[in-house]
C-alpha cells in the first residue's frame, strides 16, 4: 500500500477518537443527570410528602417499640421547607426562610405525631396528642384526665421500669392552676407509656410550628407477634 493510500485512513482514525470521547461523556452525563434528578425528587418527597423515621426510645410502648420503623405523613398538617440544614443531627445552617403549604387539617386528639423537640432542634420526638388548644389536662393519682374525663384507654403502666417523676402521680404541680388549659397555637403531647415518658408534663405544650407530621404506618418491626394489634392502635389514633 502506498503512502498516499494510507494517509486518509490515519486521518479518519484521528477524527474518530474525539467523537468517541464525546459519546462517552454524553453517556456519563445522561446517567449523572438521571441520578441527580432521582435524588432531587427523593428529597422533595421526603421534605413535603412522606418520611421514614426510627423509634429511638420506649416512651410509646406498646404502640411503638424501640427500633420500629414507620412512615410519617408530612402533608396532612401542611408541609414546609426546612428552617435549618442538618447533617448527622448537627445543624450546619439555621434561620432559613420557610415556605409552608396549606394544611389539610390541624392535629387532633389521638394523633401520633413526630415533632421537633422544643429544647433541642436537632432531635425529633414522637408522642401522642392527648389535648388541643382549649382542652383541660390534669393528672390525678396517676390517671390522666382531659376535659374532666379519664383518658386512659391507651396508657400502659410498667411497674418494672417505673419512672419516679412526680408528674406521673400529680400534674400540674402544686402551686399551679388546675386543671391546665392548653393555650392557643399549642397541643399537649404524651407518650403512651406515660410512666416512662418525658413529654409535655416536663417541657410544656408543643408549639404547632414544631410539628413535622403524623405517623402513617409501620413498615418494619422486630416484634412480629404484636405487630397487628399495634397497627390497629395506630389506626385508631389516625381517625
C-alpha atoms as a PDB file:
ATOM      1  CA  UNK A   1       0.000   0.000   0.000  1.00  0.00           C
ATOM      2  CA  UNK A   2       1.370   3.409  -0.910  1.00  0.00           C
ATOM      3  CA  UNK A   3       1.779   6.331   1.492  1.00  0.00           C
ATOM      4  CA  UNK A   4      -0.894   8.234  -0.460  1.00  0.00           C
ATOM      5  CA  UNK A   5      -3.440   5.463   0.254  1.00  0.00           C
ATOM      6  CA  UNK A   6      -2.655   5.076   3.977  1.00  0.00           C
ATOM      7  CA  UNK A   7      -2.797   8.793   4.842  1.00  0.00           C
ATOM      8  CA  UNK A   8      -6.597   9.217   4.582  1.00  0.00           C
ATOM      9  CA  UNK A   9      -7.196   6.207   6.867  1.00  0.00           C
ATOM     10  CA  UNK A  10      -4.868   7.606   9.510  1.00  0.00           C
ATOM     11  CA  UNK A  11      -6.634  10.948   9.430  1.00  0.00           C
ATOM     12  CA  UNK A  12     -10.080   9.329   9.803  1.00  0.00           C
ATOM     13  CA  UNK A  13      -8.870   7.356  12.841  1.00  0.00           C
ATOM     14  CA  UNK A  14      -7.669  10.565  14.481  1.00  0.00           C
ATOM     15  CA  UNK A  15     -11.018  12.225  13.853  1.00  0.00           C
ATOM     16  CA  UNK A  16     -12.872   9.229  15.375  1.00  0.00           C
ATOM     17  CA  UNK A  17     -11.142   9.479  18.753  1.00  0.00           C
ATOM     18  CA  UNK A  18     -12.653  12.882  19.796  1.00  0.00           C
ATOM     19  CA  UNK A  19     -16.065  11.675  18.642  1.00  0.00           C
ATOM     20  CA  UNK A  20     -15.747   8.541  20.782  1.00  0.00           C
ATOM     21  CA  UNK A  21     -14.723  10.602  23.827  1.00  0.00           C
ATOM     22  CA  UNK A  22     -17.665  12.956  23.300  1.00  0.00           C
ATOM     23  CA  UNK A  23     -20.018   9.986  23.109  1.00  0.00           C
ATOM     24  CA  UNK A  24     -18.611   8.574  26.377  1.00  0.00           C
ATOM     25  CA  UNK A  25     -19.048  11.874  28.217  1.00  0.00           C
ATOM     26  CA  UNK A  26     -22.582  12.158  26.887  1.00  0.00           C
ATOM     27  CA  UNK A  27     -23.450   8.749  28.352  1.00  0.00           C
ATOM     28  CA  UNK A  28     -21.828   9.682  31.678  1.00  0.00           C
ATOM     29  CA  UNK A  29     -23.757  12.963  31.782  1.00  0.00           C
ATOM     30  CA  UNK A  30     -27.047  11.200  30.993  1.00  0.00           C
ATOM     31  CA  UNK A  31     -26.505   8.799  33.908  1.00  0.00           C
ATOM     32  CA  UNK A  32     -25.412  11.608  36.239  1.00  0.00           C
ATOM     33  CA  UNK A  33     -28.402  13.731  35.295  1.00  0.00           C
ATOM     34  CA  UNK A  34     -30.773  10.806  35.951  1.00  0.00           C
ATOM     35  CA  UNK A  35     -29.181  10.208  39.365  1.00  0.00           C
ATOM     36  CA  UNK A  36     -29.354  13.898  40.317  1.00  0.00           C
ATOM     37  CA  UNK A  37     -32.992  14.115  39.286  1.00  0.00           C
ATOM     38  CA  UNK A  38     -33.802  10.984  41.299  1.00  0.00           C
ATOM     39  CA  UNK A  39     -32.061  12.419  44.378  1.00  0.00           C
ATOM     40  CA  UNK A  40     -33.819  15.761  43.940  1.00  0.00           C
ATOM     41  CA  UNK A  41     -37.291  14.200  43.739  1.00  0.00           C
ATOM     42  CA  UNK A  42     -36.494  11.845  46.637  1.00  0.00           C
ATOM     43  CA  UNK A  43     -35.523  14.819  48.820  1.00  0.00           C
ATOM     44  CA  UNK A  44     -38.616  16.703  47.675  1.00  0.00           C
ATOM     45  CA  UNK A  45     -40.882  13.793  48.624  1.00  0.00           C
ATOM     46  CA  UNK A  46     -39.051  13.350  51.930  1.00  0.00           C
ATOM     47  CA  UNK A  47     -39.443  17.002  52.838  1.00  0.00           C
ATOM     48  CA  UNK A  48     -43.014  17.625  51.738  1.00  0.00           C
ATOM     49  CA  UNK A  49     -44.870  14.285  51.477  1.00  0.00           C
ATOM     50  CA  UNK A  50     -43.598  11.287  53.442  1.00  0.00           C
ATOM     51  CA  UNK A  51     -40.517  10.485  55.516  1.00  0.00           C
ATOM     52  CA  UNK A  52     -39.159   7.394  57.250  1.00  0.00           C
ATOM     53  CA  UNK A  53     -38.399   7.516  60.988  1.00  0.00           C
ATOM     54  CA  UNK A  54     -36.952   5.068  63.502  1.00  0.00           C
ATOM     55  CA  UNK A  55     -38.266   4.841  67.081  1.00  0.00           C
ATOM     56  CA  UNK A  56     -35.346   5.584  69.454  1.00  0.00           C
ATOM     57  CA  UNK A  57     -36.949   5.095  72.896  1.00  0.00           C
ATOM     58  CA  UNK A  58     -39.636   3.207  74.761  1.00  0.00           C
ATOM     59  CA  UNK A  59     -41.889   6.167  75.575  1.00  0.00           C
ATOM     60  CA  UNK A  60     -44.545   4.982  73.075  1.00  0.00           C
ATOM     61  CA  UNK A  61     -44.626   1.323  74.138  1.00  0.00           C
ATOM     62  CA  UNK A  62     -46.560  -0.741  73.418  1.00  0.00           C
ATOM     63  CA  UNK A  63     -47.889   1.037  70.389  1.00  0.00           C
ATOM     64  CA  UNK A  64     -44.370   1.614  69.048  1.00  0.00           C
ATOM     65  CA  UNK A  65     -41.298  -0.282  70.215  1.00  0.00           C
ATOM     66  CA  UNK A  66     -37.640   0.682  70.221  1.00  0.00           C
ATOM     67  CA  UNK A  67     -36.197   0.077  66.766  1.00  0.00           C
ATOM     68  CA  UNK A  68     -39.518   0.169  64.902  1.00  0.00           C
ATOM     69  CA  UNK A  69     -39.515   1.866  61.506  1.00  0.00           C
ATOM     70  CA  UNK A  70     -42.506   3.863  60.318  1.00  0.00           C
ATOM     71  CA  UNK A  71     -43.523   6.315  57.629  1.00  0.00           C
ATOM     72  CA  UNK A  72     -44.733   9.782  58.605  1.00  0.00           C
ATOM     73  CA  UNK A  73     -47.233  11.801  56.582  1.00  0.00           C
ATOM     74  CA  UNK A  74     -45.844  15.341  56.340  1.00  0.00           C
ATOM     75  CA  UNK A  75     -48.544  16.655  54.027  1.00  0.00           C
ATOM     76  CA  UNK A  76     -51.620  16.473  56.251  1.00  0.00           C
ATOM     77  CA  UNK A  77     -50.557  19.243  58.682  1.00  0.00           C
ATOM     78  CA  UNK A  78     -49.056  21.442  55.973  1.00  0.00           C
ATOM     79  CA  UNK A  79     -45.568  20.604  54.727  1.00  0.00           C
ATOM     80  CA  UNK A  80     -42.877  23.236  54.992  1.00  0.00           C
ATOM     81  CA  UNK A  81     -39.377  23.821  53.729  1.00  0.00           C
ATOM     82  CA  UNK A  82     -36.539  23.270  56.224  1.00  0.00           C
ATOM     83  CA  UNK A  83     -35.706  26.071  58.631  1.00  0.00           C
ATOM     84  CA  UNK A  84     -32.260  24.571  59.186  1.00  0.00           C
ATOM     85  CA  UNK A  85     -29.810  22.284  57.393  1.00  0.00           C
ATOM     86  CA  UNK A  86     -28.813  19.239  59.445  1.00  0.00           C
ATOM     87  CA  UNK A  87     -26.180  16.589  58.794  1.00  0.00           C
ATOM     88  CA  UNK A  88     -25.974  13.653  61.212  1.00  0.00           C
ATOM     89  CA  UNK A  89     -28.015  15.574  63.804  1.00  0.00           C
ATOM     90  CA  UNK A  90     -25.711  18.587  63.645  1.00  0.00           C
ATOM     91  CA  UNK A  91     -27.016  21.947  62.464  1.00  0.00           C
ATOM     92  CA  UNK A  92     -24.937  23.442  59.658  1.00  0.00           C
ATOM     93  CA  UNK A  93     -27.217  26.415  58.963  1.00  0.00           C
ATOM     94  CA  UNK A  94     -30.325  27.811  60.660  1.00  0.00           C
ATOM     95  CA  UNK A  95     -32.777  30.669  60.272  1.00  0.00           C
ATOM     96  CA  UNK A  96     -33.575  29.830  56.658  1.00  0.00           C
ATOM     97  CA  UNK A  97     -36.770  31.322  55.174  1.00  0.00           C
ATOM     98  CA  UNK A  98     -39.600  28.811  55.498  1.00  0.00           C
ATOM     99  CA  UNK A  99     -42.210  28.042  52.853  1.00  0.00           C
ATOM    100  CA  UNK A 100     -45.292  26.374  54.353  1.00  0.00           C
ATOM    101  CA  UNK A 101     -48.032  24.669  52.337  1.00  0.00           C
ATOM    102  CA  UNK A 102     -51.701  24.834  53.419  1.00  0.00           C
ATOM    103  CA  UNK A 103     -52.718  22.159  55.941  1.00  0.00           C
ATOM    104  CA  UNK A 104     -55.424  19.614  55.186  1.00  0.00           C
ATOM    105  CA  UNK A 105     -56.331  19.676  58.867  1.00  0.00           C
ATOM    106  CA  UNK A 106     -54.844  20.509  62.251  1.00  0.00           C
ATOM    107  CA  UNK A 107     -53.629  17.906  64.781  1.00  0.00           C
ATOM    108  CA  UNK A 108     -56.406  16.151  66.667  1.00  0.00           C
ATOM    109  CA  UNK A 109     -56.640  14.326  69.956  1.00  0.00           C
ATOM    110  CA  UNK A 110     -55.301  10.813  69.422  1.00  0.00           C
ATOM    111  CA  UNK A 111     -52.900  11.613  66.560  1.00  0.00           C
ATOM    112  CA  UNK A 112     -49.397  10.151  66.873  1.00  0.00           C
ATOM    113  CA  UNK A 113     -47.096  12.983  65.829  1.00  0.00           C
ATOM    114  CA  UNK A 114     -43.410  13.440  65.023  1.00  0.00           C
ATOM    115  CA  UNK A 115     -42.126  16.851  66.030  1.00  0.00           C
ATOM    116  CA  UNK A 116     -39.011  18.866  66.668  1.00  0.00           C
ATOM    117  CA  UNK A 117     -38.075  18.688  70.325  1.00  0.00           C
ATOM    118  CA  UNK A 118     -38.540  22.197  71.763  1.00  0.00           C
ATOM    119  CA  UNK A 119     -35.360  22.056  73.870  1.00  0.00           C
ATOM    120  CA  UNK A 120     -33.104  20.704  71.102  1.00  0.00           C
ATOM    121  CA  UNK A 121     -33.875  21.488  67.434  1.00  0.00           C
ATOM    122  CA  UNK A 122     -31.552  18.657  66.340  1.00  0.00           C
ATOM    123  CA  UNK A 123     -33.786  15.985  67.902  1.00  0.00           C
ATOM    124  CA  UNK A 124     -37.089  14.598  66.667  1.00  0.00           C
ATOM    125  CA  UNK A 125     -39.611  13.192  69.150  1.00  0.00           C
ATOM    126  CA  UNK A 126     -42.746  11.106  68.660  1.00  0.00           C
ATOM    127  CA  UNK A 127     -45.682  11.263  71.078  1.00  0.00           C
ATOM    128  CA  UNK A 128     -49.475  11.141  71.073  1.00  0.00           C
ATOM    129  CA  UNK A 129     -51.552  14.314  71.050  1.00  0.00           C
ATOM    130  CA  UNK A 130     -53.873  13.980  74.058  1.00  0.00           C
ATOM    131  CA  UNK A 131     -55.289  17.514  74.028  1.00  0.00           C
ATOM    132  CA  UNK A 132     -55.525  20.510  71.709  1.00  0.00           C
ATOM    133  CA  UNK A 133     -55.933  24.235  72.312  1.00  0.00           C
ATOM    134  CA  UNK A 134     -58.725  24.953  74.784  1.00  0.00           C
ATOM    135  CA  UNK A 135     -58.744  21.463  76.339  1.00  0.00           C
ATOM    136  CA  UNK A 136     -58.067  20.999  80.039  1.00  0.00           C
ATOM    137  CA  UNK A 137     -55.443  18.492  81.194  1.00  0.00           C
ATOM    138  CA  UNK A 138     -54.825  17.066  84.652  1.00  0.00           C
ATOM    139  CA  UNK A 139     -53.181  14.011  86.216  1.00  0.00           C
ATOM    140  CA  UNK A 140     -54.777  12.813  89.457  1.00  0.00           C
ATOM    141  CA  UNK A 141     -53.462   9.764  91.306  1.00  0.00           C
ATOM    142  CA  UNK A 142     -51.661   8.564  88.195  1.00  0.00           C
ATOM    143  CA  UNK A 143     -54.707   8.884  85.927  1.00  0.00           C
ATOM    144  CA  UNK A 144     -54.843  11.331  83.036  1.00  0.00           C
ATOM    145  CA  UNK A 145     -57.982  13.457  82.718  1.00  0.00           C
ATOM    146  CA  UNK A 146     -58.790  15.502  79.616  1.00  0.00           C
ATOM    147  CA  UNK A 147     -61.751  17.886  79.871  1.00  0.00           C
ATOM    148  CA  UNK A 148     -62.686  16.222  83.149  1.00  0.00           C
ATOM    149  CA  UNK A 149     -62.919  12.665  81.740  1.00  0.00           C
ATOM    150  CA  UNK A 150     -60.356   9.848  82.140  1.00  0.00           C
ATOM    151  CA  UNK A 151     -58.156   9.372  79.091  1.00  0.00           C
ATOM    152  CA  UNK A 152     -56.522   6.069  79.875  1.00  0.00           C
ATOM    153  CA  UNK A 153     -57.506   3.692  77.091  1.00  0.00           C
ATOM    154  CA  UNK A 154     -54.052   3.996  75.530  1.00  0.00           C
ATOM    155  CA  UNK A 155     -51.926   4.081  78.700  1.00  0.00           C
ATOM    156  CA  UNK A 156     -49.602   1.289  79.836  1.00  0.00           C
ATOM    157  CA  UNK A 157     -48.109   1.194  83.320  1.00  0.00           C
ATOM    158  CA  UNK A 158     -44.802  -0.642  83.584  1.00  0.00           C
ATOM    159  CA  UNK A 159     -44.044  -1.204  87.288  1.00  0.00           C
ATOM    160  CA  UNK A 160     -40.677  -2.795  86.494  1.00  0.00           C
ATOM    161  CA  UNK A 161     -39.424   0.312  84.678  1.00  0.00           C
ATOM    162  CA  UNK A 162     -41.422   2.864  86.617  1.00  0.00           C
ATOM    163  CA  UNK A 163     -40.054   6.385  86.284  1.00  0.00           C
ATOM    164  CA  UNK A 164     -40.377   8.216  89.577  1.00  0.00           C
ATOM    165  CA  UNK A 165     -41.017  11.663  88.130  1.00  0.00           C
ATOM    166  CA  UNK A 166     -43.588  13.474  90.313  1.00  0.00           C
ATOM    167  CA  UNK A 167     -45.764  14.329  87.297  1.00  0.00           C
ATOM    168  CA  UNK A 168     -46.630  10.639  86.927  1.00  0.00           C
ATOM    169  CA  UNK A 169     -48.834  10.919  90.004  1.00  0.00           C
ATOM    170  CA  UNK A 170     -49.971  14.557  90.025  1.00  0.00           C
ATOM    171  CA  UNK A 171     -49.882  17.251  87.372  1.00  0.00           C
ATOM    172  CA  UNK A 172     -49.886  20.279  87.212  1.00  0.00           C
ATOM    173  CA  UNK A 173     -47.569  20.512  90.208  1.00  0.00           C
ATOM    174  CA  UNK A 174     -48.723  22.129  93.458  1.00  0.00           C
ATOM    175  CA  UNK A 175     -48.899  25.897  93.246  1.00  0.00           C
ATOM    176  CA  UNK A 176     -50.083  25.964  89.619  1.00  0.00           C
ATOM    177  CA  UNK A 177     -53.650  26.368  88.390  1.00  0.00           C
ATOM    178  CA  UNK A 178     -55.524  23.096  87.971  1.00  0.00           C
ATOM    179  CA  UNK A 179     -56.598  21.828  85.558  1.00  0.00           C
ATOM    180  CA  UNK A 180     -54.156  23.127  82.982  1.00  0.00           C
ATOM    181  CA  UNK A 181     -55.755  24.654  79.875  1.00  0.00           C
ATOM    182  CA  UNK A 182     -53.827  24.227  76.609  1.00  0.00           C
ATOM    183  CA  UNK A 183     -53.181  27.711  75.144  1.00  0.00           C
ATOM    184  CA  UNK A 184     -53.909  28.721  71.517  1.00  0.00           C
ATOM    185  CA  UNK A 185     -51.417  27.504  68.928  1.00  0.00           C
ATOM    186  CA  UNK A 186     -50.327  24.624  71.182  1.00  0.00           C
ATOM    187  CA  UNK A 187     -51.042  20.915  71.635  1.00  0.00           C
ATOM    188  CA  UNK A 188     -50.358  18.663  74.606  1.00  0.00           C
ATOM    189  CA  UNK A 189     -48.159  15.639  73.862  1.00  0.00           C
ATOM    190  CA  UNK A 190     -47.721  12.494  75.975  1.00  0.00           C
ATOM    191  CA  UNK A 191     -46.161   9.091  75.447  1.00  0.00           C
ATOM    192  CA  UNK A 192     -48.410   6.030  75.523  1.00  0.00           C
ATOM    193  CA  UNK A 193     -46.019   4.539  78.077  1.00  0.00           C
ATOM    194  CA  UNK A 194     -46.799   7.507  80.301  1.00  0.00           C
ATOM    195  CA  UNK A 195     -44.969   6.330  83.395  1.00  0.00           C
ATOM    196  CA  UNK A 196     -41.775   6.272  81.335  1.00  0.00           C
ATOM    197  CA  UNK A 197     -42.135   9.327  79.120  1.00  0.00           C
ATOM    198  CA  UNK A 198     -40.642  12.805  79.222  1.00  0.00           C
ATOM    199  CA  UNK A 199     -43.371  14.800  77.493  1.00  0.00           C
ATOM    200  CA  UNK A 200     -45.470  17.966  77.781  1.00  0.00           C
ATOM    201  CA  UNK A 201     -45.748  17.422  81.516  1.00  0.00           C
ATOM    202  CA  UNK A 202     -41.977  18.043  81.688  1.00  0.00           C
ATOM    203  CA  UNK A 203     -41.309  20.603  78.937  1.00  0.00           C
ATOM    204  CA  UNK A 204     -44.718  22.187  78.359  1.00  0.00           C
ATOM    205  CA  UNK A 205     -47.197  22.221  75.457  1.00  0.00           C
ATOM    206  CA  UNK A 206     -45.889  21.846  71.922  1.00  0.00           C
ATOM    207  CA  UNK A 207     -45.961  24.761  69.501  1.00  0.00           C
ATOM    208  CA  UNK A 208     -47.752  23.824  66.275  1.00  0.00           C
ATOM    209  CA  UNK A 209     -44.843  25.264  64.286  1.00  0.00           C
ATOM    210  CA  UNK A 210     -42.673  22.386  65.559  1.00  0.00           C
ATOM    211  CA  UNK A 211     -44.970  19.661  64.228  1.00  0.00           C
ATOM    212  CA  UNK A 212     -43.407  17.625  61.408  1.00  0.00           C
ATOM    213  CA  UNK A 213     -46.001  15.001  60.542  1.00  0.00           C
ATOM    214  CA  UNK A 214     -48.417  12.262  61.558  1.00  0.00           C
ATOM    215  CA  UNK A 215     -47.468   8.603  61.991  1.00  0.00           C
ATOM    216  CA  UNK A 216     -48.824   6.764  58.971  1.00  0.00           C
ATOM    217  CA  UNK A 217     -47.880   3.085  59.224  1.00  0.00           C
ATOM    218  CA  UNK A 218     -45.129   0.738  60.361  1.00  0.00           C
ATOM    219  CA  UNK A 219     -43.067  -0.769  57.586  1.00  0.00           C
ATOM    220  CA  UNK A 220     -40.751  -2.828  59.784  1.00  0.00           C
ATOM    221  CA  UNK A 221     -40.991  -4.106  63.337  1.00  0.00           C
ATOM    222  CA  UNK A 222     -38.936  -6.595  65.295  1.00  0.00           C
ATOM    223  CA  UNK A 223     -41.975  -7.616  67.348  1.00  0.00           C
ATOM    224  CA  UNK A 224     -43.889  -9.533  64.695  1.00  0.00           C
ATOM    225  CA  UNK A 225     -46.313 -11.264  67.083  1.00  0.00           C
ATOM    226  CA  UNK A 226     -47.710  -7.951  68.298  1.00  0.00           C
ATOM    227  CA  UNK A 227     -47.492  -6.046  65.021  1.00  0.00           C
ATOM    228  CA  UNK A 228     -51.165  -6.419  64.066  1.00  0.00           C
ATOM    229  CA  UNK A 229     -52.719  -5.113  67.332  1.00  0.00           C
ATOM    230  CA  UNK A 230     -50.223  -2.241  67.360  1.00  0.00           C
ATOM    231  CA  UNK A 231     -51.209  -1.313  63.823  1.00  0.00           C
ATOM    232  CA  UNK A 232     -54.814  -1.267  64.988  1.00  0.00           C
ATOM    233  CA  UNK A 233     -53.919   1.088  67.850  1.00  0.00           C
ATOM    234  CA  UNK A 234     -52.117   3.429  65.452  1.00  0.00           C
ATOM    235  CA  UNK A 235     -55.134   3.303  63.142  1.00  0.00           C
ATOM    236  CA  UNK A 236     -57.473   4.370  65.941  1.00  0.00           C
ATOM    237  CA  UNK A 237     -55.207   7.342  66.582  1.00  0.00           C
ATOM    238  CA  UNK A 238     -55.254   8.383  62.925  1.00  0.00           C
ATOM    239  CA  UNK A 239     -59.000   8.788  62.716  1.00  0.00           C
END
